[in-house]
Amino acid sequence: MEKGNSCSLETLSTLKFAQRAKFIKNNAVVNEDASGDVVAMRLQIQQLKEEVSHLRAFVNGKSENLDNEIGTCCCTA
């Protein structure tokens, strides 16, 4: 293969790549402020931890009246 022929194949390949790259479309998206969501999720996590703690105590026999505890628990809806 001649040196000129090798360069022309590489040039052709580069031009084909450039043609394909020209049609690539990017869609920019602005990041949303999720700080309110984070606070709400942290509150929910804390409530769920309290509920798990109450339920573990019940399963371990440390709670005599689960209905009263769950009824007054802040984590039930």
PDB file of N, CA and C in Angstrom:
ATOM      1  N   MET A   1       0.843  -1.168   0.000  1.00  0.00           N
ATOM      2  CA  MET A   1       0.000   0.000   0.000  1.00  0.00           C
ATOM      3  C   MET A   1       0.893   1.238   0.000  1.00  0.00           C
ATOM      4  N   GLU A   2       0.534   2.189  -0.775  1.00  0.00           N
ATOM      5  CA  GLU A   2       1.331   3.408  -0.877  1.00  0.00           C
ATOM      6  C   GLU A   2       1.033   4.336   0.291  1.00  0.00           C
ATOM      7  N   LYS A   3       1.986   5.215   0.574  1.00  0.00           N
ATOM      8  CA  LYS A   3       1.832   6.145   1.688  1.00  0.00           C
ATOM      9  C   LYS A   3       0.658   7.098   1.456  1.00  0.00           C
ATOM     10  N   GLY A   4       0.472   7.584   0.281  1.00  0.00           N
ATOM     11  CA  GLY A   4      -0.613   8.508  -0.057  1.00  0.00           C
ATOM     12  C   GLY A   4      -1.966   7.843   0.082  1.00  0.00           C
ATOM     13  N   ASN A   5      -2.060   6.581  -0.301  1.00  0.00           N
ATOM     14  CA  ASN A   5      -3.310   5.843  -0.208  1.00  0.00           C
ATOM     15  C   ASN A   5      -3.706   5.664   1.262  1.00  0.00           C
ATOM     16  N   SER A   6      -2.749   5.380   2.131  1.00  0.00           N
ATOM     17  CA  SER A   6      -3.005   5.199   3.556  1.00  0.00           C
ATOM     18  C   SER A   6      -3.538   6.492   4.176  1.00  0.00           C
ATOM     19  N   CYS A   7      -2.953   7.593   3.821  1.00  0.00           N
ATOM     20  CA  CYS A   7      -3.400   8.887   4.351  1.00  0.00           C
ATOM     21  C   CYS A   7      -4.795   9.238   3.864  1.00  0.00           C
ATOM     22  N   SER A   8      -5.086   8.904   2.619  1.00  0.00           N
ATOM     23  CA  SER A   8      -6.412   9.235   2.085  1.00  0.00           C
ATOM     24  C   SER A   8      -7.489   8.407   2.781  1.00  0.00           C
ATOM     25  N   LEU A   9      -7.190   7.142   3.134  1.00  0.00           N
ATOM     26  CA  LEU A   9      -8.161   6.320   3.860  1.00  0.00           C
ATOM     27  C   LEU A   9      -8.422   6.901   5.254  1.00  0.00           C
ATOM     28  N   GLU A  10      -7.359   7.364   5.896  1.00  0.00           N
ATOM     29  CA  GLU A  10      -7.524   7.963   7.226  1.00  0.00           C
ATOM     30  C   GLU A  10      -8.296   9.269   7.132  1.00  0.00           C
ATOM     31  N   THR A  11      -8.018  10.055   6.107  1.00  0.00           N
ATOM     32  CA  THR A  11      -8.732  11.311   5.900  1.00  0.00           C
ATOM     33  C   THR A  11     -10.205  11.044   5.628  1.00  0.00           C
ATOM     34  N   LEU A  12     -10.506  10.065   4.812  1.00  0.00           N
ATOM     35  CA  LEU A  12     -11.893   9.701   4.509  1.00  0.00           C
ATOM     36  C   LEU A  12     -12.613   9.248   5.781  1.00  0.00           C
ATOM     37  N   SER A  13     -11.942   8.451   6.592  1.00  0.00           N
ATOM     38  CA  SER A  13     -12.528   7.991   7.850  1.00  0.00           C
ATOM     39  C   SER A  13     -12.816   9.167   8.781  1.00  0.00           C
ATOM     40  N   THR A  14     -11.900  10.110   8.847  1.00  0.00           N
ATOM     41  CA  THR A  14     -12.087  11.292   9.691  1.00  0.00           C
ATOM     42  C   THR A  14     -13.252  12.127   9.197  1.00  0.00           C
ATOM     43  N   LEU A  15     -13.377  12.290   7.891  1.00  0.00           N
ATOM     44  CA  LEU A  15     -14.477  13.066   7.321  1.00  0.00           C
ATOM     45  C   LEU A  15     -15.828  12.390   7.579  1.00  0.00           C
ATOM     46  N   LYS A  16     -15.864  11.072   7.502  1.00  0.00           N
ATOM     47  CA  LYS A  16     -17.110  10.349   7.788  1.00  0.00           C
ATOM     48  C   LYS A  16     -17.501  10.517   9.261  1.00  0.00           C
ATOM     49  N   PHE A  17     -16.497  10.449  10.145  1.00  0.00           N
ATOM     50  CA  PHE A  17     -16.771  10.650  11.567  1.00  0.00           C
ATOM     51  C   PHE A  17     -17.308  12.058  11.807  1.00  0.00           C
ATOM     52  N   ALA A  18     -16.704  13.049  11.188  1.00  0.00           N
ATOM     53  CA  ALA A  18     -17.142  14.436  11.356  1.00  0.00           C
ATOM     54  C   ALA A  18     -18.573  14.606  10.868  1.00  0.00           C
ATOM     55  N   GLN A  19     -18.919  13.933   9.785  1.00  0.00           N
ATOM     56  CA  GLN A  19     -20.287  14.006   9.252  1.00  0.00           C
ATOM     57  C   GLN A  19     -21.274  13.428  10.263  1.00  0.00           C
ATOM     58  N   ARG A  20     -20.931  12.286  10.875  1.00  0.00           N
ATOM     59  CA  ARG A  20     -21.818  11.681  11.869  1.00  0.00           C
ATOM     60  C   ARG A  20     -21.908  12.554  13.125  1.00  0.00           C
ATOM     61  N   ALA A  21     -20.777  13.117  13.550  1.00  0.00           N
ATOM     62  CA  ALA A  21     -20.738  13.940  14.759  1.00  0.00           C
ATOM     63  C   ALA A  21     -21.563  15.211  14.601  1.00  0.00           C
ATOM     64  N   LYS A  22     -21.691  15.683  13.377  1.00  0.00           N
ATOM     65  CA  LYS A  22     -22.442  16.904  13.117  1.00  0.00           C
ATOM     66  C   LYS A  22     -23.917  16.739  13.488  1.00  0.00           C
ATOM     67  N   PHE A  23     -24.428  15.535  13.455  1.00  0.00           N
ATOM     68  CA  PHE A  23     -25.841  15.296  13.711  1.00  0.00           C
ATOM     69  C   PHE A  23     -26.151  14.967  15.177  1.00  0.00           C
ATOM     70  N   ILE A  24     -25.157  14.983  16.024  1.00  0.00           N
ATOM     71  CA  ILE A  24     -25.378  14.719  17.447  1.00  0.00           C
ATOM     72  C   ILE A  24     -26.075  15.918  18.076  1.00  0.00           C
ATOM     73  N   LYS A  25     -27.147  15.646  18.794  1.00  0.00           N
ATOM     74  CA  LYS A  25     -27.911  16.706  19.461  1.00  0.00           C
ATOM     75  C   LYS A  25     -27.795  16.522  20.966  1.00  0.00           C
ATOM     76  N   ASN A  26     -27.512  17.594  21.676  1.00  0.00           N
ATOM     77  CA  ASN A  26     -27.459  17.585  23.136  1.00  0.00           C
ATOM     78  C   ASN A  26     -28.624  18.389  23.679  1.00  0.00           C
ATOM     79  N   ASN A  27     -29.252  17.868  24.708  1.00  0.00           N
ATOM     80  CA  ASN A  27     -30.341  18.582  25.367  1.00  0.00           C
ATOM     81  C   ASN A  27     -29.910  18.931  26.782  1.00  0.00           C
ATOM     82  N   ALA A  28     -29.622  20.213  26.999  1.00  0.00           N
ATOM     83  CA  ALA A  28     -29.190  20.660  28.327  1.00  0.00           C
ATOM     84  C   ALA A  28     -30.393  20.723  29.253  1.00  0.00           C
ATOM     85  N   VAL A  29     -30.197  20.273  30.489  1.00  0.00           N
ATOM     86  CA  VAL A  29     -31.254  20.297  31.489  1.00  0.00           C
ATOM     87  C   VAL A  29     -30.709  21.002  32.724  1.00  0.00           C
ATOM     88  N   VAL A  30     -31.488  21.942  33.249  1.00  0.00           N
ATOM     89  CA  VAL A  30     -31.090  22.665  34.445  1.00  0.00           C
ATOM     90  C   VAL A  30     -31.379  21.785  35.655  1.00  0.00           C
ATOM     91  N   ASN A  31     -30.405  21.661  36.543  1.00  0.00           N
ATOM     92  CA  ASN A  31     -30.606  20.881  37.764  1.00  0.00           C
ATOM     93  C   ASN A  31     -31.665  21.547  38.624  1.00  0.00           C
ATOM     94  N   GLU A  32     -32.551  20.720  39.190  1.00  0.00           N
ATOM     95  CA  GLU A  32     -33.608  21.247  40.041  1.00  0.00           C
ATOM     96  C   GLU A  32     -33.105  21.379  41.470  1.00  0.00           C
ATOM     97  N   ASP A  33     -33.666  22.346  42.170  1.00  0.00           N
ATOM     98  CA  ASP A  33     -33.341  22.519  43.576  1.00  0.00           C
ATOM     99  C   ASP A  33     -34.152  21.525  44.382  1.00  0.00           C
ATOM    100  N   ALA A  34     -33.475  20.556  44.948  1.00  0.00           N
ATOM    101  CA  ALA A  34     -34.161  19.489  45.682  1.00  0.00           C
ATOM    102  C   ALA A  34     -33.980  19.634  47.183  1.00  0.00           C
ATOM    103  N   SER A  35     -33.608  20.823  47.659  1.00  0.00           N
ATOM    104  CA  SER A  35     -33.342  20.980  49.087  1.00  0.00           C
ATOM    105  C   SER A  35     -34.584  20.716  49.923  1.00  0.00           C
ATOM    106  N   GLY A  36     -35.758  21.112  49.448  1.00  0.00           N
ATOM    107  CA  GLY A  36     -37.003  20.834  50.160  1.00  0.00           C
ATOM    108  C   GLY A  36     -37.277  19.351  50.229  1.00  0.00           C
ATOM    109  N   ASP A  37     -36.992  18.658  49.148  1.00  0.00           N
ATOM    110  CA  ASP A  37     -37.184  17.213  49.120  1.00  0.00           C
ATOM    111  C   ASP A  37     -36.256  16.525  50.111  1.00  0.00           C
ATOM    112  N   VAL A  38     -35.036  17.014  50.235  1.00  0.00           N
ATOM    113  CA  VAL A  38     -34.062  16.407  51.136  1.00  0.00           C
ATOM    114  C   VAL A  38     -34.543  16.531  52.576  1.00  0.00           C
ATOM    115  N   VAL A  39     -35.058  17.692  52.945  1.00  0.00           N
ATOM    116  CA  VAL A  39     -35.555  17.907  54.301  1.00  0.00           C
ATOM    117  C   VAL A  39     -36.728  16.979  54.579  1.00  0.00           C
ATOM    118  N   ALA A  40     -37.644  16.871  53.633  1.00  0.00           N
ATOM    119  CA  ALA A  40     -38.803  15.993  53.807  1.00  0.00           C
ATOM    120  C   ALA A  40     -38.369  14.537  53.924  1.00  0.00           C
ATOM    121  N   MET A  41     -37.396  14.131  53.138  1.00  0.00           N
ATOM    122  CA  MET A  41     -36.916  12.750  53.194  1.00  0.00           C
ATOM    123  C   MET A  41     -36.213  12.460  54.509  1.00  0.00           C
ATOM    124  N   ARG A  42     -35.448  13.423  55.021  1.00  0.00           N
ATOM    125  CA  ARG A  42     -34.782  13.222  56.319  1.00  0.00           C
ATOM    126  C   ARG A  42     -35.814  13.068  57.431  1.00  0.00           C
ATOM    127  N   LEU A  43     -36.879  13.858  57.383  1.00  0.00           N
ATOM    128  CA  LEU A  43     -37.947  13.746  58.372  1.00  0.00           C
ATOM    129  C   LEU A  43     -38.610  12.377  58.284  1.00  0.00           C
ATOM    130  N   GLN A  44     -38.878  11.937  57.062  1.00  0.00           N
ATOM    131  CA  GLN A  44     -39.497  10.629  56.874  1.00  0.00           C
ATOM    132  C   GLN A  44     -38.568   9.507  57.368  1.00  0.00           C
ATOM    133  N   ILE A  45     -37.272   9.631  57.115  1.00  0.00           N
ATOM    134  CA  ILE A  45     -36.309   8.628  57.589  1.00  0.00           C
ATOM    135  C   ILE A  45     -36.342   8.561  59.115  1.00  0.00           C
ATOM    136  N   GLN A  46     -36.367   9.712  59.769  1.00  0.00           N
ATOM    137  CA  GLN A  46     -36.411   9.745  61.229  1.00  0.00           C
ATOM    138  C   GLN A  46     -37.691   9.076  61.739  1.00  0.00           C
ATOM    139  N   GLN A  47     -38.813   9.364  61.107  1.00  0.00           N
ATOM    140  CA  GLN A  47     -40.080   8.759  61.514  1.00  0.00           C
ATOM    141  C   GLN A  47     -40.053   7.247  61.313  1.00  0.00           C
ATOM    142  N   LEU A  48     -39.485   6.800  60.209  1.00  0.00           N
ATOM    143  CA  LEU A  48     -39.408   5.365  59.946  1.00  0.00           C
ATOM    144  C   LEU A  48     -38.482   4.670  60.937  1.00  0.00           C
ATOM    145  N   LYS A  49     -37.401   5.332  61.325  1.00  0.00           N
ATOM    146  CA  LYS A  49     -36.500   4.764  62.327  1.00  0.00           C
ATOM    147  C   LYS A  49     -37.227   4.591  63.658  1.00  0.00           C
ATOM    148  N   GLU A  50     -38.043   5.579  64.027  1.00  0.00           N
ATOM    149  CA  GLU A  50     -38.817   5.483  65.265  1.00  0.00           C
ATOM    150  C   GLU A  50     -39.806   4.321  65.192  1.00  0.00           C
ATOM    151  N   GLU A  51     -40.458   4.186  64.053  1.00  0.00           N
ATOM    152  CA  GLU A  51     -41.413   3.097  63.880  1.00  0.00           C
ATOM    153  C   GLU A  51     -40.718   1.738  63.971  1.00  0.00           C
ATOM    154  N   VAL A  52     -39.558   1.602  63.336  1.00  0.00           N
ATOM    155  CA  VAL A  52     -38.796   0.351  63.396  1.00  0.00           C
ATOM    156  C   VAL A  52     -38.407   0.053  64.842  1.00  0.00           C
ATOM    157  N   SER A  53     -37.998   1.078  65.562  1.00  0.00           N
ATOM    158  CA  SER A  53     -37.618   0.899  66.957  1.00  0.00           C
ATOM    159  C   SER A  53     -38.797   0.382  67.781  1.00  0.00           C
ATOM    160  N   HIS A  54     -39.976   0.965  67.575  1.00  0.00           N
ATOM    161  CA  HIS A  54     -41.175   0.518  68.290  1.00  0.00           C
ATOM    162  C   HIS A  54     -41.518  -0.928  67.929  1.00  0.00           C
ATOM    163  N   LEU A  55     -41.442  -1.242  66.669  1.00  0.00           N
ATOM    164  CA  LEU A  55     -41.783  -2.600  66.233  1.00  0.00           C
ATOM    165  C   LEU A  55     -40.769  -3.625  66.731  1.00  0.00           C
ATOM    166  N   ARG A  56     -39.500  -3.260  66.762  1.00  0.00           N
ATOM    167  CA  ARG A  56     -38.490  -4.181  67.302  1.00  0.00           C
ATOM    168  C   ARG A  56     -38.731  -4.435  68.783  1.00  0.00           C
ATOM    169  N   ALA A  57     -39.098  -3.381  69.506  1.00  0.00           N
ATOM    170  CA  ALA A  57     -39.394  -3.542  70.926  1.00  0.00           C
ATOM    171  C   ALA A  57     -40.587  -4.474  71.108  1.00  0.00           C
ATOM    172  N   PHE A  58     -41.574  -4.340  70.274  1.00  0.00           N
ATOM    173  CA  PHE A  58     -42.751  -5.211  70.359  1.00  0.00           C
ATOM    174  C   PHE A  58     -42.376  -6.660  70.083  1.00  0.00           C
ATOM    175  N   VAL A  59     -41.586  -6.882  69.027  1.00  0.00           N
ATOM    176  CA  VAL A  59     -41.184  -8.237  68.661  1.00  0.00           C
ATOM    177  C   VAL A  59     -40.351  -8.864  69.779  1.00  0.00           C
ATOM    178  N   ASN A  60     -39.549  -8.078  70.437  1.00  0.00           N
ATOM    179  CA  ASN A  60     -38.707  -8.574  71.518  1.00  0.00           C
ATOM    180  C   ASN A  60     -39.474  -8.714  72.833  1.00  0.00           C
ATOM    181  N   GLY A  61     -40.761  -8.396  72.832  1.00  0.00           N
ATOM    182  CA  GLY A  61     -41.585  -8.552  74.017  1.00  0.00           C
ATOM    183  C   GLY A  61     -41.435  -7.440  75.026  1.00  0.00           C
ATOM    184  N   LYS A  62     -40.851  -6.328  74.640  1.00  0.00           N
ATOM    185  CA  LYS A  62     -40.634  -5.224  75.570  1.00  0.00           C
ATOM    186  C   LYS A  62     -41.812  -4.260  75.586  1.00  0.00           C
ATOM    187  N   SER A  63     -42.714  -4.417  74.644  1.00  0.00           N
ATOM    188  CA  SER A  63     -43.865  -3.533  74.592  1.00  0.00           C
ATOM    189  C   SER A  63     -45.109  -4.332  74.956  1.00  0.00           C
ATOM    190  N   GLU A  64     -45.828  -3.875  75.958  1.00  0.00           N
ATOM    191  CA  GLU A  64     -47.006  -4.600  76.416  1.00  0.00           C
ATOM    192  C   GLU A  64     -48.246  -4.228  75.629  1.00  0.00           C
ATOM    193  N   ASN A  65     -48.285  -3.025  75.090  1.00  0.00           N
ATOM    194  CA  ASN A  65     -49.491  -2.587  74.405  1.00  0.00           C
ATOM    195  C   ASN A  65     -49.113  -1.881  73.108  1.00  0.00           C
ATOM    196  N   LEU A  66     -48.957  -2.633  72.053  1.00  0.00           N
ATOM    197  CA  LEU A  66     -48.526  -2.081  70.764  1.00  0.00           C
ATOM    198  C   LEU A  66     -49.556  -1.118  70.204  1.00  0.00           C
ATOM    199  N   ASP A  67     -50.843  -1.411  70.336  1.00  0.00           N
ATOM    200  CA  ASP A  67     -51.879  -0.553  69.782  1.00  0.00           C
ATOM    201  C   ASP A  67     -51.790   0.868  70.333  1.00  0.00           C
ATOM    202  N   ASN A  68     -51.560   1.001  71.616  1.00  0.00           N
ATOM    203  CA  ASN A  68     -51.455   2.327  72.211  1.00  0.00           C
ATOM    204  C   ASN A  68     -50.194   3.049  71.730  1.00  0.00           C
ATOM    205  N   GLU A  69     -49.103   2.313  71.615  1.00  0.00           N
ATOM    206  CA  GLU A  69     -47.851   2.940  71.162  1.00  0.00           C
ATOM    207  C   GLU A  69     -47.970   3.417  69.729  1.00  0.00           C
ATOM    208  N   ILE A  70     -48.491   2.563  68.848  1.00  0.00           N
ATOM    209  CA  ILE A  70     -48.594   2.946  67.440  1.00  0.00           C
ATOM    210  C   ILE A  70     -49.614   4.054  67.276  1.00  0.00           C
ATOM    211  N   GLY A  71     -50.668   4.031  68.042  1.00  0.00           N
ATOM    212  CA  GLY A  71     -51.681   5.085  67.951  1.00  0.00           C
ATOM    213  C   GLY A  71     -51.130   6.444  68.316  1.00  0.00           C
ATOM    214  N   THR A  72     -50.151   6.499  69.212  1.00  0.00           N
ATOM    215  CA  THR A  72     -49.589   7.768  69.613  1.00  0.00           C
ATOM    216  C   THR A  72     -48.275   8.076  68.923  1.00  0.00           C
ATOM    217  N   CYS A  73     -47.780   7.144  68.136  1.00  0.00           N
ATOM    218  CA  CYS A  73     -46.504   7.344  67.441  1.00  0.00           C
ATOM    219  C   CYS A  73     -46.653   8.424  66.379  1.00  0.00           C
ATOM    220  N   CYS A  74     -45.644   9.263  66.289  1.00  0.00           N
ATOM    221  CA  CYS A  74     -45.695  10.352  65.315  1.00  0.00           C
ATOM    222  C   CYS A  74     -45.452   9.866  63.891  1.00  0.00           C
ATOM    223  N   CYS A  75     -45.086   8.615  63.719  1.00  0.00           N
ATOM    224  CA  CYS A  75     -44.685   8.147  62.401  1.00  0.00           C
ATOM    225  C   CYS A  75     -45.804   7.446  61.649  1.00  0.00           C
ATOM    226  N   THR A  76     -46.967   7.304  62.201  1.00  0.00           N
ATOM    227  CA  THR A  76     -48.061   6.662  61.472  1.00  0.00           C
ATOM    228  C   THR A  76     -48.913   7.722  60.831  1.00  0.00           C
ATOM    229  N   ALA A  77     -49.478   7.352  59.713  1.00  0.00           N
ATOM    230  CA  ALA A  77     -50.291   8.328  58.974  1.00  0.00           C
ATOM    231  C   ALA A  77     -51.744   8.214  59.361  1.00  0.00           C
TER     232      ALA A  77
END
